[in-house]
Amino acid sequence: MNYALRQKVCVKPGGIIEIHSHELPPGAVADVIIILETPPNKQQSLTRLIGTAKGSFATPEAADNFISQERDTWSY
């Protein structure tokens, strides 16, 4: 029969996690699954920033619409 033990822990420098419980018998074999509450920081591509700055366009269609509207305001 499987027994589950759930604890909230803080990851220490170097990625070290300690679990303390009187319910864990010495010499017992255990599987450990780690579920982070927040995802780890991953290096992300700079392309994720395209279109996110103030005044930028999220899509090419939005840029085309803006340019078309501006052209309509021009006087020849």
N, C-alpha and C. Protein backbone atom coordinates (compact mmCIF):
# COMPACT_ATOMS: atom_id res chain seq x y z
N MET A 1 0.85 -1.18 0.00
CA MET A 1 0.00 0.00 0.00
C MET A 1 0.89 1.24 0.00
N ASN A 2 0.53 2.23 -0.81
CA ASN A 2 1.29 3.47 -0.88
C ASN A 2 0.82 4.43 0.19
N TYR A 3 1.75 5.22 0.69
CA TYR A 3 1.46 6.24 1.68
C TYR A 3 1.98 7.56 1.13
N ALA A 4 1.19 8.61 1.23
CA ALA A 4 1.59 9.92 0.71
C ALA A 4 1.84 10.88 1.86
N LEU A 5 2.85 11.69 1.69
CA LEU A 5 3.19 12.72 2.65
C LEU A 5 3.36 14.02 1.88
N ARG A 6 2.65 15.05 2.29
CA ARG A 6 2.73 16.33 1.58
C ARG A 6 3.26 17.39 2.53
N GLN A 7 4.27 18.12 2.06
CA GLN A 7 4.85 19.21 2.85
C GLN A 7 5.15 20.38 1.94
N LYS A 8 5.02 21.57 2.48
CA LYS A 8 5.50 22.77 1.78
C LYS A 8 6.93 22.99 2.25
N VAL A 9 7.84 23.17 1.29
CA VAL A 9 9.24 23.38 1.63
C VAL A 9 9.77 24.57 0.85
N CYS A 10 10.87 25.11 1.31
CA CYS A 10 11.54 26.20 0.62
C CYS A 10 12.81 25.63 -0.02
N VAL A 11 13.00 25.90 -1.28
CA VAL A 11 14.20 25.44 -1.97
C VAL A 11 15.36 26.31 -1.53
N LYS A 12 16.40 25.66 -1.04
CA LYS A 12 17.58 26.37 -0.56
C LYS A 12 18.55 26.60 -1.71
N PRO A 13 19.51 27.50 -1.50
CA PRO A 13 20.51 27.73 -2.55
C PRO A 13 21.14 26.41 -3.01
N GLY A 14 21.35 26.33 -4.30
CA GLY A 14 21.91 25.10 -4.87
C GLY A 14 20.83 24.08 -5.20
N GLY A 15 19.56 24.48 -5.07
CA GLY A 15 18.46 23.57 -5.41
C GLY A 15 18.23 22.49 -4.37
N ILE A 16 18.61 22.73 -3.15
CA ILE A 16 18.49 21.72 -2.09
C ILE A 16 17.12 21.82 -1.41
N ILE A 17 16.49 20.66 -1.25
CA ILE A 17 15.20 20.57 -0.56
C ILE A 17 15.35 19.59 0.58
N GLU A 18 14.88 19.94 1.77
CA GLU A 18 14.91 19.04 2.91
C GLU A 18 13.49 18.70 3.33
N ILE A 19 13.27 17.43 3.62
CA ILE A 19 11.97 16.97 4.11
C ILE A 19 12.20 16.30 5.46
N HIS A 20 11.48 16.76 6.47
CA HIS A 20 11.59 16.20 7.81
C HIS A 20 10.22 15.68 8.23
N SER A 21 10.16 14.41 8.68
CA SER A 21 8.91 13.86 9.17
C SER A 21 9.21 12.64 10.04
N HIS A 22 8.54 12.57 11.18
CA HIS A 22 8.67 11.39 12.04
C HIS A 22 7.95 10.19 11.43
N GLU A 23 7.11 10.44 10.41
CA GLU A 23 6.37 9.37 9.76
C GLU A 23 7.22 8.61 8.73
N LEU A 24 8.43 9.10 8.46
CA LEU A 24 9.31 8.45 7.49
C LEU A 24 10.27 7.51 8.22
N PRO A 25 10.09 6.20 8.05
CA PRO A 25 10.96 5.25 8.76
C PRO A 25 12.35 5.19 8.12
N PRO A 26 13.39 5.11 8.91
CA PRO A 26 14.75 5.00 8.37
C PRO A 26 14.89 3.80 7.45
N GLY A 27 15.54 4.00 6.31
CA GLY A 27 15.77 2.92 5.37
C GLY A 27 14.65 2.68 4.39
N ALA A 28 13.52 3.37 4.54
CA ALA A 28 12.40 3.19 3.61
C ALA A 28 12.76 3.81 2.26
N VAL A 29 12.23 3.22 1.20
CA VAL A 29 12.42 3.75 -0.15
C VAL A 29 11.22 4.62 -0.49
N ALA A 30 11.48 5.81 -1.05
CA ALA A 30 10.39 6.74 -1.37
C ALA A 30 10.63 7.37 -2.73
N ASP A 31 9.55 7.59 -3.46
CA ASP A 31 9.60 8.38 -4.70
C ASP A 31 9.27 9.81 -4.32
N VAL A 32 10.03 10.75 -4.87
CA VAL A 32 9.81 12.16 -4.56
C VAL A 32 9.40 12.87 -5.85
N ILE A 33 8.29 13.58 -5.79
CA ILE A 33 7.81 14.37 -6.92
C ILE A 33 7.79 15.82 -6.45
N ILE A 34 8.39 16.71 -7.26
CA ILE A 34 8.46 18.12 -6.89
C ILE A 34 7.57 18.92 -7.84
N ILE A 35 6.64 19.66 -7.29
CA ILE A 35 5.75 20.52 -8.07
C ILE A 35 5.98 21.95 -7.59
N LEU A 36 6.54 22.79 -8.47
CA LEU A 36 6.81 24.18 -8.10
C LEU A 36 5.54 25.01 -8.21
N GLU A 37 5.34 25.91 -7.26
CA GLU A 37 4.18 26.81 -7.31
C GLU A 37 4.35 27.86 -8.40
N THR A 38 5.57 28.26 -8.66
CA THR A 38 5.83 29.20 -9.74
C THR A 38 6.84 28.56 -10.67
N PRO A 39 6.69 28.77 -11.97
CA PRO A 39 7.64 28.14 -12.90
C PRO A 39 9.02 28.74 -12.73
N PRO A 40 10.06 27.94 -12.95
CA PRO A 40 11.41 28.50 -12.86
C PRO A 40 11.65 29.50 -13.97
N ASN A 41 12.55 30.44 -13.72
CA ASN A 41 12.89 31.42 -14.75
C ASN A 41 13.64 30.73 -15.87
N LYS A 42 13.12 30.82 -17.05
CA LYS A 42 13.76 30.25 -18.22
C LYS A 42 14.21 31.39 -19.12
N GLN A 43 15.30 31.18 -19.81
CA GLN A 43 15.70 32.17 -20.79
C GLN A 43 14.68 32.14 -21.91
N GLN A 44 14.18 33.28 -22.26
CA GLN A 44 13.18 33.37 -23.31
C GLN A 44 13.75 34.17 -24.46
N SER A 45 13.25 33.87 -25.62
CA SER A 45 13.69 34.57 -26.82
C SER A 45 13.23 36.02 -26.77
N LEU A 46 14.04 36.89 -27.32
CA LEU A 46 13.66 38.30 -27.36
C LEU A 46 12.49 38.55 -28.29
N THR A 47 12.18 37.60 -29.17
CA THR A 47 11.04 37.78 -30.07
C THR A 47 9.73 37.84 -29.30
N ARG A 48 9.71 37.37 -28.06
CA ARG A 48 8.47 37.44 -27.27
C ARG A 48 8.10 38.88 -26.95
N LEU A 49 9.07 39.81 -27.08
CA LEU A 49 8.82 41.22 -26.78
C LEU A 49 8.21 41.98 -27.95
N ILE A 50 8.25 41.39 -29.14
CA ILE A 50 7.74 42.08 -30.33
C ILE A 50 6.24 42.35 -30.16
N GLY A 51 5.88 43.59 -30.32
CA GLY A 51 4.47 43.98 -30.25
C GLY A 51 3.96 44.23 -28.84
N THR A 52 4.82 44.16 -27.83
CA THR A 52 4.35 44.34 -26.46
C THR A 52 4.60 45.74 -25.91
N ALA A 53 5.45 46.52 -26.56
CA ALA A 53 5.75 47.86 -26.05
C ALA A 53 4.61 48.83 -26.38
N LYS A 54 4.55 49.89 -25.62
CA LYS A 54 3.52 50.91 -25.84
C LYS A 54 3.66 51.47 -27.26
N GLY A 55 2.56 51.52 -27.98
CA GLY A 55 2.56 52.03 -29.34
C GLY A 55 2.91 51.00 -30.39
N SER A 56 3.17 49.77 -29.98
CA SER A 56 3.49 48.70 -30.94
C SER A 56 2.21 48.02 -31.40
N PHE A 57 2.33 47.26 -32.45
CA PHE A 57 1.19 46.53 -32.99
C PHE A 57 1.37 45.05 -32.69
N ALA A 58 0.31 44.43 -32.22
CA ALA A 58 0.37 43.02 -31.86
C ALA A 58 0.41 42.11 -33.08
N THR A 59 -0.20 42.57 -34.17
CA THR A 59 -0.26 41.75 -35.39
C THR A 59 0.05 42.61 -36.60
N PRO A 60 0.46 41.98 -37.70
CA PRO A 60 0.65 42.74 -38.94
C PRO A 60 -0.64 43.40 -39.42
N GLU A 61 -1.76 42.74 -39.18
CA GLU A 61 -3.06 43.29 -39.60
C GLU A 61 -3.36 44.60 -38.85
N ALA A 62 -3.02 44.64 -37.58
CA ALA A 62 -3.24 45.86 -36.80
C ALA A 62 -2.39 47.00 -37.35
N ALA A 63 -1.15 46.71 -37.74
CA ALA A 63 -0.29 47.74 -38.32
C ALA A 63 -0.85 48.21 -39.66
N ASP A 64 -1.31 47.29 -40.51
CA ASP A 64 -1.91 47.65 -41.80
C ASP A 64 -3.14 48.53 -41.61
N ASN A 65 -3.99 48.19 -40.65
CA ASN A 65 -5.19 48.99 -40.38
C ASN A 65 -4.82 50.40 -39.95
N PHE A 66 -3.82 50.53 -39.10
CA PHE A 66 -3.40 51.84 -38.65
C PHE A 66 -2.86 52.67 -39.80
N ILE A 67 -2.03 52.06 -40.63
CA ILE A 67 -1.44 52.78 -41.77
C ILE A 67 -2.54 53.21 -42.74
N SER A 68 -3.50 52.35 -42.99
CA SER A 68 -4.61 52.70 -43.88
C SER A 68 -5.41 53.87 -43.34
N GLN A 69 -5.67 53.88 -42.05
CA GLN A 69 -6.40 54.99 -41.44
C GLN A 69 -5.61 56.29 -41.54
N GLU A 70 -4.31 56.21 -41.34
CA GLU A 70 -3.48 57.41 -41.45
C GLU A 70 -3.47 57.94 -42.89
N ARG A 71 -3.36 57.05 -43.86
CA ARG A 71 -3.38 57.48 -45.26
C ARG A 71 -4.68 58.16 -45.62
N ASP A 72 -5.78 57.68 -45.04
CA ASP A 72 -7.09 58.27 -45.32
C ASP A 72 -7.17 59.71 -44.83
N THR A 73 -6.35 60.09 -43.86
CA THR A 73 -6.41 61.44 -43.29
C THR A 73 -5.52 62.43 -44.08
N TRP A 74 -4.68 61.90 -44.97
CA TRP A 74 -3.78 62.77 -45.72
C TRP A 74 -4.56 63.60 -46.74
N SER A 75 -4.12 64.82 -46.94
CA SER A 75 -4.71 65.65 -48.00
C SER A 75 -3.66 65.82 -49.09
N TYR A 76 -4.09 65.72 -50.33
CA TYR A 76 -3.17 65.82 -51.45
C TYR A 76 -3.23 67.19 -52.06
